[in-house]
Amino acid sequence: MDRSTTTTQPPAPHAAPGAARSAAPPAEKLRARAAEVLWANWTGTSTVPSRALYPHQWSWDSAFIAIGLRHLSPLRAQLELETLLSAQWGDGRVPHIVFNDAVPLDAYFPGPDFWRSATAGRRAGAPAPVQTSGIVQPPVHALAVWLVHRADPGLSRARSFLARLRPRLAAWHRYLLGARDAGGAGLAAVQHPWEQGMDNSPCWDGPLSRVEPAAPGDFRRADLDHGVPEHRPTDTDYGRYVRLAAEYRDRGYVDGAGPGASTDEGPAFSVEDPAFNALLITSEYALALIEAELDGPGGLHGSEGSAARVRCARARSLTETLVARLWDPDREIFLCRDLRTDALLTERGVTGLIPLVLPALPPRVAAALVRTACGPHFGLGGATRLVPSYDLTGPAFDLRRYWRGPAWFNTNWLVERGLRLHGERARADALREAVLDAAGASGFAEYVDPYTGEGCGARGFGWTAALTLDLLHAGRDGTGGGDLRTERCGHE
């Protein structure tokens, strides 16, 4: 399908042109600029993260984009998520890339000719009409679907938005909690750094060291056509990413050897990650609300066996498991668990702060995470304007290199929500203002210097613009857009 065409074109937002716009308040100017980014990146059925660097549809990008896009056009936000979830595989996985067949094959690597989803993914139920990758990304989707529904419940009900997406979301969560429970404790494991989303984090250096890089002649790095090499992953790391992806493809996208198997039977890279699982738990809460909305009154407050109540109980249980398996009380941060060695990895990344978004997080853990975020390792409210992606004091910290130090807008948006959820309103307000300042000053950059806010990577980046819109909308009433206190189960 040619994703550059569309049959539905919602109206663009009202924005005064030229001189009229210059007279608008700063927040309105920023809103108009963010909207322009999203309209420029819109393909007709979805939004690309960046026209030059990322010319296809990315999974967690689209979820974050829909969260912001709902403030401009709830219909487009619904289409964004519907397009992504229509590419879901038969086993329930939501692929991390949905390829636009109108884009030249050499515009992005690895492209559809590398992933070969229609053939290599046949056993796992890869869809025939569209080409996708075979790996996944963090499951923000149920949260996005719920927030998009709330933006215009009448439109959502008229289009049966929740009813059509509920079974897809349920299948997605079943896949993660089943096939991806490589550790056997209930948490989902990632089998590639690209799946976790924070691709080049030093948190992965230990597990990745076991992977023999693909030969340089086996791949061409299209990302270097648009990015500064010193800001991107090294050729060695990229070669490891390619090797892992090729091996997974050649196994027919079969997930691991399963719980109880020998450590040398499974994939070379298998990690339980705190952010990935925290977002899955958050989306479990959101899916409970979706089920309650569809199943009628009493869904959250009725019988213990209702779908919504069961899902809420599972979200609380998964939170307990997350704390038991990944919380380090001495370092006061969540750490990744390497399932090949069954040991916690010692690197502190922003991934370890993301569980702040969880409403059932024990207060002592939430308080410790705030101390860590504001302490010397991340410097929030002191040394840094935004939360960096990696420990400021860590040996692998790199101010500008992809996920090894720079601040990202989606992770800062999540930390802002978490701070607000756990009663840290002043810190959340300050972070919100810093994010908005950096987004506008950097031209909605892909990521920024955490100290100065100077932009790096692509400009006009989709989720940066979208989450700017969400924070601007939140600022109108001071609630913090889609405050996670509203995502709690009703009886908590």
Protein backbone atom coordinates (compact mmCIF):
# COMPACT_ATOMS: atom_id res chain seq x y z
CA MET A 1 0.00 0.00 0.00
CA ASP A 2 1.27 3.46 -0.86
CA ARG A 3 1.23 5.26 2.48
CA SER A 4 1.78 8.64 0.85
CA THR A 5 -1.91 8.76 -0.15
CA THR A 6 -4.98 9.10 2.00
CA THR A 7 -8.72 8.99 1.78
CA THR A 8 -9.29 11.06 4.89
CA GLN A 9 -7.83 14.51 5.45
CA PRO A 10 -8.89 16.15 8.73
CA PRO A 11 -8.63 19.91 8.78
CA ALA A 12 -5.36 21.50 9.81
CA PRO A 13 -5.40 23.48 13.07
CA HIS A 14 -6.28 27.13 12.99
CA ALA A 15 -3.09 29.20 13.03
CA ALA A 16 -2.81 32.88 12.22
CA PRO A 17 -0.27 33.47 9.43
CA GLY A 18 2.52 36.00 9.24
CA ALA A 19 2.18 39.10 11.36
CA ALA A 20 -0.84 37.79 13.21
CA ARG A 21 1.14 34.82 14.42
CA SER A 22 4.02 37.02 15.62
CA ALA A 23 1.57 38.76 17.96
CA ALA A 24 0.50 35.48 19.58
CA PRO A 25 1.68 34.58 23.09
CA PRO A 26 4.89 32.48 23.20
CA ALA A 27 2.98 29.30 24.05
CA GLU A 28 0.72 29.76 21.03
CA LYS A 29 3.73 30.37 18.78
CA LEU A 30 5.34 27.19 20.05
CA ARG A 31 2.10 25.28 19.56
CA ALA A 32 1.82 26.51 15.97
CA ARG A 33 5.44 25.54 15.22
CA ALA A 34 4.95 22.08 16.72
CA ALA A 35 1.79 21.61 14.66
CA GLU A 36 3.69 22.54 11.50
CA VAL A 37 6.21 19.78 12.22
CA LEU A 38 3.47 17.17 12.56
CA TRP A 39 1.69 18.30 9.39
CA ALA A 40 5.00 18.22 7.49
CA ASN A 41 5.74 14.69 8.72
CA TRP A 42 2.23 13.36 8.03
CA THR A 43 2.08 10.83 5.15
CA GLY A 44 -1.69 10.48 4.88
CA THR A 45 -2.14 7.59 7.31
CA SER A 46 0.75 7.99 9.75
CA THR A 47 3.59 10.29 10.80
CA VAL A 48 7.28 9.74 10.09
CA PRO A 49 9.69 10.60 12.91
CA SER A 50 11.89 12.52 10.45
CA ARG A 51 11.48 12.97 6.70
CA ALA A 52 15.18 12.45 5.97
CA LEU A 53 16.55 10.15 8.67
CA TYR A 54 13.51 7.99 9.52
CA PRO A 55 11.19 7.93 6.47
CA HIS A 56 8.90 5.07 7.63
CA GLN A 57 6.53 4.49 10.56
CA TRP A 58 8.13 3.58 13.90
CA SER A 59 6.14 1.84 16.61
CA TRP A 60 6.76 3.75 19.84
CA ASP A 61 7.25 6.99 17.90
CA SER A 62 3.71 6.66 16.59
CA ALA A 63 2.35 6.06 20.08
CA PHE A 64 4.00 9.22 21.42
CA ILE A 65 3.04 11.15 18.30
CA ALA A 66 -0.61 10.13 18.68
CA ILE A 67 -0.58 11.37 22.30
CA GLY A 68 0.33 14.85 21.07
CA LEU A 69 -1.58 14.73 17.80
CA ARG A 70 -4.84 14.16 19.70
CA HIS A 71 -4.74 17.85 20.71
CA LEU A 72 -4.80 18.91 17.03
CA SER A 73 -6.85 16.20 15.34
CA PRO A 74 -8.24 13.24 17.28
CA LEU A 75 -9.12 11.63 13.95
CA ARG A 76 -5.54 11.75 12.72
CA ALA A 77 -4.36 10.42 16.07
CA GLN A 78 -6.75 7.49 15.70
CA LEU A 79 -5.54 6.84 12.15
CA GLU A 80 -1.94 6.91 13.36
CA LEU A 81 -2.55 4.05 15.79
CA GLU A 82 -4.87 2.14 13.46
CA THR A 83 -2.25 2.16 10.71
CA LEU A 84 0.43 0.83 13.04
CA LEU A 85 -1.72 -1.88 14.61
CA SER A 86 -3.01 -3.03 11.20
CA ALA A 87 0.56 -4.32 10.62
CA GLN A 88 0.43 -6.54 13.73
CA TRP A 89 1.69 -10.10 13.29
CA GLY A 90 -0.42 -13.19 13.91
CA ASP A 91 1.50 -14.04 17.10
CA GLY A 92 0.56 -10.63 18.52
CA ARG A 93 3.80 -8.72 18.08
CA VAL A 94 3.66 -5.13 16.87
CA PRO A 95 6.69 -4.60 14.60
CA HIS A 96 9.00 -1.72 15.31
CA ILE A 97 8.92 -0.45 11.70
CA VAL A 98 6.10 -0.45 9.17
CA PHE A 99 7.69 0.26 5.80
CA ASN A 100 6.34 2.73 3.27
CA ASP A 101 6.72 1.03 -0.09
CA ALA A 102 6.89 4.42 -1.81
CA VAL A 103 10.26 5.11 -0.13
CA PRO A 104 13.36 3.90 -2.04
CA LEU A 105 14.99 0.79 -0.57
CA ASP A 106 18.32 2.54 -0.03
CA ALA A 107 16.79 5.41 1.95
CA TYR A 108 17.02 3.49 5.22
CA PHE A 109 18.97 0.49 6.47
CA PRO A 110 18.00 -2.10 7.50
CA GLY A 111 15.09 -1.95 5.10
CA PRO A 112 12.42 -4.44 4.04
CA ASP A 113 14.89 -6.41 1.92
CA PHE A 114 16.89 -7.10 5.10
CA TRP A 115 13.99 -8.06 7.38
CA ARG A 116 12.12 -10.18 4.77
CA SER A 117 9.04 -10.24 6.97
CA ALA A 118 6.76 -11.91 4.43
CA THR A 119 9.04 -14.94 4.12
CA ALA A 120 11.16 -15.15 7.28
CA GLY A 121 8.19 -14.15 9.43
CA ARG A 122 5.61 -16.41 7.83
CA ARG A 123 5.51 -18.91 10.74
CA ALA A 124 5.00 -16.05 13.21
CA GLY A 125 2.13 -14.63 11.16
CA ALA A 126 3.76 -11.62 9.51
CA PRO A 127 1.10 -9.78 7.44
CA ALA A 128 1.33 -10.29 3.69
CA PRO A 129 0.01 -6.90 2.48
CA VAL A 130 2.69 -4.79 4.17
CA GLN A 131 6.42 -5.13 4.84
CA THR A 132 7.67 -4.69 8.39
CA SER A 133 10.65 -5.35 10.60
CA GLY A 134 10.56 -8.44 12.82
CA ILE A 135 11.45 -6.95 16.20
CA VAL A 136 9.35 -4.82 18.55
CA GLN A 137 9.57 -1.59 20.54
CA PRO A 138 8.28 -0.49 23.97
CA PRO A 139 4.52 -1.02 24.41
CA VAL A 140 3.18 2.51 24.86
CA HIS A 141 0.24 1.75 22.61
CA ALA A 142 -2.64 1.03 25.00
CA LEU A 143 -1.85 4.22 26.90
CA ALA A 144 -1.86 6.14 23.62
CA VAL A 145 -5.15 4.54 22.52
CA TRP A 146 -6.82 5.44 25.82
CA LEU A 147 -5.62 9.05 25.80
CA VAL A 148 -6.64 9.47 22.15
CA HIS A 149 -10.11 8.10 22.97
CA ARG A 150 -10.46 10.58 25.84
CA ALA A 151 -9.61 13.48 23.52
CA ASP A 152 -12.89 12.98 21.65
CA PRO A 153 -15.00 10.14 23.11
CA GLY A 154 -17.88 10.85 20.72
CA LEU A 155 -15.72 10.45 17.62
CA SER A 156 -14.06 7.40 19.13
CA ARG A 157 -17.39 5.69 19.81
CA ALA A 158 -18.78 6.63 16.39
CA ARG A 159 -15.78 4.98 14.72
CA SER A 160 -15.71 1.99 17.17
CA PHE A 161 -12.10 2.97 17.81
CA LEU A 162 -11.70 1.18 21.14
CA ALA A 163 -13.75 -1.85 20.11
CA ARG A 164 -11.60 -2.40 17.01
CA LEU A 165 -8.24 -1.92 18.73
CA ARG A 166 -8.96 -3.69 22.02
CA PRO A 167 -8.35 -7.25 20.65
CA ARG A 168 -5.14 -6.13 18.97
CA LEU A 169 -3.85 -4.55 22.18
CA ALA A 170 -4.82 -7.62 24.20
CA ALA A 171 -2.95 -9.87 21.73
CA TRP A 172 0.09 -7.57 21.88
CA HIS A 173 0.22 -7.80 25.67
CA ARG A 174 -0.30 -11.60 25.59
CA TYR A 175 2.67 -11.90 23.26
CA LEU A 176 4.94 -9.84 25.51
CA LEU A 177 3.85 -11.55 28.73
CA GLY A 178 4.03 -15.00 27.15
CA ALA A 179 6.55 -15.50 24.35
CA ARG A 180 8.84 -12.80 25.72
CA ASP A 181 8.92 -14.03 29.33
CA ALA A 182 12.43 -15.41 28.78
CA GLY A 183 13.34 -15.15 32.45
CA GLY A 184 10.28 -17.07 33.63
CA ALA A 185 9.36 -14.48 36.29
CA GLY A 186 6.65 -12.65 34.37
CA LEU A 187 8.58 -9.71 32.89
CA ALA A 188 9.06 -9.22 29.15
CA ALA A 189 12.58 -9.54 27.75
CA VAL A 190 14.07 -7.66 24.80
CA GLN A 191 16.25 -9.53 22.34
CA HIS A 192 17.83 -6.54 20.61
CA PRO A 193 18.82 -3.02 21.77
CA TRP A 194 16.56 -1.57 19.08
CA GLU A 195 13.60 -3.22 20.82
CA GLN A 196 14.19 -1.29 24.02
CA GLY A 197 14.27 1.96 22.03
CA MET A 198 17.36 3.42 23.73
CA ASP A 199 19.49 1.80 21.07
CA ASN A 200 23.03 2.79 21.92
CA SER A 201 22.83 2.95 25.73
CA PRO A 202 25.93 1.87 27.68
CA CYS A 203 23.53 -0.41 29.59
CA TRP A 204 23.84 -2.80 26.64
CA ASP A 205 27.64 -2.81 26.37
CA GLY A 206 28.07 -5.92 28.53
CA PRO A 207 25.56 -8.17 26.75
CA LEU A 208 26.58 -6.80 23.34
CA SER A 209 30.22 -7.69 23.95
CA ARG A 210 29.22 -11.34 23.40
CA VAL A 211 28.06 -10.58 19.85
CA GLU A 212 30.48 -10.83 16.93
CA PRO A 213 29.89 -7.76 14.70
CA ALA A 214 28.76 -8.25 11.14
CA ALA A 215 31.49 -7.48 8.63
CA PRO A 216 31.50 -3.82 7.51
CA GLY A 217 30.89 -4.91 3.92
CA ASP A 218 27.66 -6.64 4.92
CA PHE A 219 25.73 -3.40 5.51
CA ARG A 220 25.58 0.26 4.53
CA ARG A 221 24.82 2.84 7.19
CA ALA A 222 22.20 5.15 5.69
CA ASP A 223 22.02 6.97 9.04
CA LEU A 224 25.43 8.53 8.43
CA ASP A 225 24.06 10.26 5.32
CA HIS A 226 22.02 12.47 7.66
CA GLY A 227 23.83 12.42 11.01
CA VAL A 228 27.24 13.37 12.39
CA PRO A 229 29.29 10.16 12.83
CA GLU A 230 30.50 11.32 16.28
CA HIS A 231 26.86 11.50 17.40
CA ARG A 232 25.82 8.08 16.09
CA PRO A 233 26.65 4.49 17.18
CA THR A 234 30.12 3.29 16.25
CA ASP A 235 30.58 0.93 13.29
CA THR A 236 31.42 -1.87 15.71
CA ASP A 237 28.22 -1.41 17.71
CA TYR A 238 26.18 -1.08 14.54
CA GLY A 239 27.73 -4.29 13.25
CA ARG A 240 26.56 -6.03 16.42
CA TYR A 241 23.04 -4.70 15.93
CA VAL A 242 23.01 -6.05 12.38
CA ARG A 243 24.35 -9.45 13.48
CA LEU A 244 21.68 -9.82 16.18
CA ALA A 245 18.88 -8.82 13.82
CA ALA A 246 20.09 -11.16 11.06
CA GLU A 247 20.32 -14.11 13.45
CA TYR A 248 16.81 -13.46 14.76
CA ARG A 249 15.52 -13.26 11.17
CA ASP A 250 17.29 -16.46 10.22
CA ARG A 251 15.64 -18.24 13.16
CA GLY A 252 12.28 -17.29 11.67
CA TYR A 253 11.75 -14.70 14.41
CA VAL A 254 11.36 -17.45 16.99
CA ASP A 255 11.62 -16.07 20.53
CA GLY A 256 14.37 -17.58 22.63
CA ALA A 257 14.64 -21.06 24.09
CA GLY A 258 12.07 -20.49 26.85
CA PRO A 259 12.24 -20.50 30.66
CA GLY A 260 14.42 -23.20 32.17
CA ALA A 261 16.59 -23.63 29.09
CA SER A 262 20.37 -23.59 29.27
CA THR A 263 21.85 -20.09 29.08
CA ASP A 264 23.70 -20.98 25.87
CA GLU A 265 20.51 -22.10 24.08
CA GLY A 266 18.85 -18.71 23.82
CA PRO A 267 19.76 -15.53 21.95
CA ALA A 268 23.09 -13.84 22.71
CA PHE A 269 21.22 -10.72 23.85
CA SER A 270 18.29 -11.22 26.23
CA VAL A 271 17.62 -8.50 28.80
CA GLU A 272 14.82 -7.57 31.20
CA ASP A 273 14.64 -3.79 30.97
CA PRO A 274 12.91 -1.54 33.54
CA ALA A 275 11.55 1.06 31.11
CA PHE A 276 10.16 -1.50 28.67
CA ASN A 277 8.34 -3.30 31.48
CA ALA A 278 7.19 -0.11 33.21
CA LEU A 279 5.57 1.00 29.96
CA LEU A 280 3.96 -2.42 29.58
CA ILE A 281 2.54 -2.13 33.10
CA THR A 282 1.30 1.41 32.38
CA SER A 283 -0.41 0.13 29.25
CA GLU A 284 -1.95 -2.72 31.25
CA TYR A 285 -3.64 -0.08 33.41
CA ALA A 286 -4.76 1.76 30.28
CA LEU A 287 -6.09 -1.45 28.73
CA ALA A 288 -8.07 -2.06 31.93
CA LEU A 289 -9.73 1.34 31.43
CA ILE A 290 -10.44 0.48 27.79
CA GLU A 291 -12.05 -2.78 28.86
CA ALA A 292 -14.10 -1.03 31.52
CA GLU A 293 -15.28 1.53 28.97
CA LEU A 294 -16.37 -1.21 26.56
CA ASP A 295 -17.81 -3.64 29.10
CA GLY A 296 -20.05 -1.09 30.76
CA PRO A 297 -20.56 0.20 34.32
CA GLY A 298 -18.86 -1.68 37.10
CA GLY A 299 -15.89 -2.81 35.02
CA LEU A 300 -13.40 -1.45 37.52
CA HIS A 301 -15.57 -1.66 40.59
CA GLY A 302 -17.60 -4.79 39.88
CA SER A 303 -16.80 -8.47 40.27
CA GLU A 304 -13.26 -9.62 40.91
CA GLY A 305 -13.45 -11.63 37.70
CA SER A 306 -14.15 -8.73 35.35
CA ALA A 307 -11.58 -8.24 32.62
CA ALA A 308 -10.69 -4.77 33.89
CA ARG A 309 -10.23 -5.91 37.50
CA VAL A 310 -8.10 -8.88 36.42
CA ARG A 311 -5.88 -6.62 34.33
CA CYS A 312 -5.49 -4.11 37.17
CA ALA A 313 -4.46 -6.90 39.50
CA ARG A 314 -1.91 -8.09 36.95
CA ALA A 315 -0.48 -4.58 36.63
CA ARG A 316 0.01 -4.38 40.40
CA SER A 317 1.56 -7.85 40.46
CA LEU A 318 3.93 -6.96 37.63
CA THR A 319 4.96 -3.84 39.54
CA GLU A 320 5.89 -6.03 42.51
CA THR A 321 7.87 -8.33 40.20
CA LEU A 322 9.66 -5.37 38.64
CA VAL A 323 10.75 -4.17 42.08
CA ALA A 324 11.79 -7.66 43.17
CA ARG A 325 13.88 -8.37 40.07
CA LEU A 326 15.27 -5.05 38.88
CA TRP A 327 15.38 -2.63 41.85
CA ASP A 328 18.83 -1.99 43.37
CA PRO A 329 18.32 -0.42 46.82
CA ASP A 330 21.99 0.49 47.17
CA ARG A 331 22.22 2.37 43.86
CA GLU A 332 18.62 3.62 44.27
CA ILE A 333 17.70 2.93 40.66
CA PHE A 334 16.21 0.14 38.57
CA LEU A 335 18.82 -1.83 36.63
CA CYS A 336 18.66 -4.15 33.63
CA ARG A 337 18.95 -7.91 34.17
CA ASP A 338 21.13 -9.88 31.73
CA LEU A 339 19.26 -13.16 31.35
CA ARG A 340 22.30 -14.98 29.98
CA THR A 341 24.10 -14.47 33.30
CA ASP A 342 21.01 -13.80 35.48
CA ALA A 343 22.82 -10.78 36.92
CA LEU A 344 21.91 -7.11 37.19
CA LEU A 345 23.92 -4.81 34.95
CA THR A 346 25.55 -2.01 36.91
CA GLU A 347 25.20 0.84 34.39
CA ARG A 348 22.77 3.61 35.38
CA GLY A 349 20.60 4.71 32.47
CA VAL A 350 17.46 6.81 32.22
CA THR A 351 15.68 3.50 31.67
CA GLY A 352 16.05 2.97 35.43
CA LEU A 353 14.09 6.15 36.22
CA ILE A 354 11.09 5.46 33.97
CA PRO A 355 9.28 3.23 36.55
CA LEU A 356 8.36 6.52 38.26
CA VAL A 357 5.31 6.41 35.96
CA LEU A 358 3.88 3.46 37.92
CA PRO A 359 1.05 4.33 40.34
CA ALA A 360 1.59 1.26 42.56
CA LEU A 361 5.31 1.86 43.01
CA PRO A 362 6.19 1.64 46.73
CA PRO A 363 6.62 5.18 48.17
CA ARG A 364 10.15 4.39 49.41
CA VAL A 365 11.16 3.36 45.88
CA ALA A 366 9.56 6.45 44.31
CA ALA A 367 11.33 8.72 46.81
CA ALA A 368 14.67 7.04 46.11
CA LEU A 369 14.18 7.46 42.33
CA VAL A 370 13.56 11.18 42.82
CA ARG A 371 16.78 11.42 44.84
CA THR A 372 18.67 9.65 42.07
CA ALA A 373 17.19 11.83 39.32
CA CYS A 374 18.14 14.99 41.24
CA GLY A 375 21.51 13.71 42.47
CA PRO A 376 24.95 13.66 40.86
CA HIS A 377 24.20 10.84 38.43
CA PHE A 378 21.48 12.72 36.50
CA GLY A 379 21.67 16.26 37.90
CA LEU A 380 18.02 17.24 37.39
CA GLY A 381 17.30 20.67 38.80
CA GLY A 382 20.99 21.31 39.36
CA ALA A 383 23.74 20.53 36.88
CA THR A 384 21.41 19.64 33.99
CA ARG A 385 18.37 21.25 32.42
CA LEU A 386 16.96 17.91 31.26
CA VAL A 387 17.41 14.32 32.41
CA PRO A 388 20.34 12.80 30.48
CA SER A 389 20.05 9.35 28.94
CA TYR A 390 23.00 8.01 30.93
CA ASP A 391 24.84 8.55 34.21
CA LEU A 392 26.76 11.85 34.14
CA THR A 393 29.51 10.23 36.23
CA GLY A 394 29.63 6.98 34.27
CA PRO A 395 32.76 5.94 32.37
CA ALA A 396 30.86 5.68 29.08
CA PHE A 397 29.12 9.08 29.30
CA ASP A 398 29.26 10.94 25.98
CA LEU A 399 27.56 14.32 25.78
CA ARG A 400 26.51 14.04 22.13
CA ARG A 401 26.54 10.35 21.18
CA TYR A 402 23.18 8.67 20.60
CA TRP A 403 21.66 7.52 23.94
CA ARG A 404 25.01 7.63 25.73
CA GLY A 405 24.38 10.97 27.46
CA PRO A 406 22.11 13.33 25.51
CA ALA A 407 18.62 14.09 26.77
CA TRP A 408 15.60 12.82 24.85
CA PHE A 409 12.15 14.36 24.88
CA ASN A 410 10.12 11.19 25.31
CA THR A 411 12.06 10.03 28.36
CA ASN A 412 11.87 13.49 29.91
CA TRP A 413 8.12 13.56 29.23
CA LEU A 414 7.83 10.24 31.08
CA VAL A 415 9.93 11.44 34.01
CA GLU A 416 7.81 14.62 34.19
CA ARG A 417 4.67 12.50 34.40
CA GLY A 418 6.23 10.29 37.05
CA LEU A 419 7.33 13.22 39.19
CA ARG A 420 3.85 14.71 39.01
CA LEU A 421 2.22 11.38 39.80
CA HIS A 422 4.25 10.97 42.99
CA GLY A 423 3.59 14.45 44.33
CA GLU A 424 6.72 16.24 43.07
CA ARG A 425 4.77 19.02 41.41
CA ALA A 426 7.42 21.75 41.66
CA ARG A 427 10.06 19.51 40.09
CA ALA A 428 7.59 18.39 37.42
CA ASP A 429 6.70 22.01 36.59
CA ALA A 430 10.36 22.95 36.29
CA LEU A 431 11.10 19.99 34.03
CA ARG A 432 8.07 20.78 31.89
CA GLU A 433 9.32 24.32 31.33
CA ALA A 434 12.82 23.09 30.52
CA VAL A 435 11.47 20.59 27.99
CA LEU A 436 9.37 23.26 26.28
CA ASP A 437 12.28 25.71 26.17
CA ALA A 438 14.63 23.10 24.70
CA ALA A 439 12.09 21.89 22.15
CA GLY A 440 11.47 25.36 20.79
CA ALA A 441 15.08 26.57 20.87
CA SER A 442 16.41 23.43 19.18
CA GLY A 443 13.90 23.36 16.34
CA PHE A 444 12.25 20.25 17.83
CA ALA A 445 15.49 18.30 17.75
CA GLU A 446 15.71 14.53 18.04
CA TYR A 447 17.80 14.90 21.22
CA VAL A 448 19.76 17.63 23.00
CA ASP A 449 22.74 18.40 25.18
CA PRO A 450 21.38 17.87 28.72
CA TYR A 451 23.37 20.81 30.08
CA THR A 452 22.63 23.48 27.47
CA GLY A 453 19.66 22.16 25.49
CA GLU A 454 21.61 22.47 22.22
CA GLY A 455 20.03 20.30 19.55
CA CYS A 456 21.55 17.14 18.06
CA GLY A 457 20.38 14.63 15.48
CA ALA A 458 17.39 15.32 13.24
CA ARG A 459 15.36 18.52 13.45
CA GLY A 460 11.59 18.68 13.11
CA PHE A 461 11.40 15.40 15.00
CA GLY A 462 7.94 13.89 15.35
CA TRP A 463 7.69 12.92 18.99
CA THR A 464 9.47 16.08 20.12
CA ALA A 465 6.79 18.20 18.46
CA ALA A 466 3.98 15.93 19.65
CA LEU A 467 5.03 15.83 23.28
CA THR A 468 5.58 19.59 23.21
CA LEU A 469 1.90 19.89 22.28
CA ASP A 470 0.91 17.58 25.11
CA LEU A 471 2.90 19.56 27.68
CA LEU A 472 1.50 22.84 26.36
CA HIS A 473 -2.02 21.46 26.66
CA ALA A 474 -1.29 20.23 30.18
CA GLY A 475 -0.05 23.65 31.20
CA ARG A 476 -3.43 25.22 30.56
CA ASP A 477 -4.92 23.64 33.66
CA GLY A 478 -1.78 22.57 35.51
CA THR A 479 -2.76 18.90 35.57
CA GLY A 480 0.12 17.50 33.52
CA GLY A 481 -1.57 16.08 30.39
CA GLY A 482 -3.09 12.68 31.02
CA ASP A 483 -1.81 12.64 34.60
CA LEU A 484 -1.19 9.02 35.52
CA ARG A 485 -3.28 9.42 38.66
CA THR A 486 -6.24 9.05 36.30
CA GLU A 487 -4.81 5.77 35.04
CA ARG A 488 -5.07 4.02 38.42
CA CYS A 489 -7.59 1.24 38.84
CA GLY A 490 -10.72 2.67 40.41
CA HIS A 491 -10.49 0.70 43.66
CA GLU A 492 -6.89 1.63 44.53
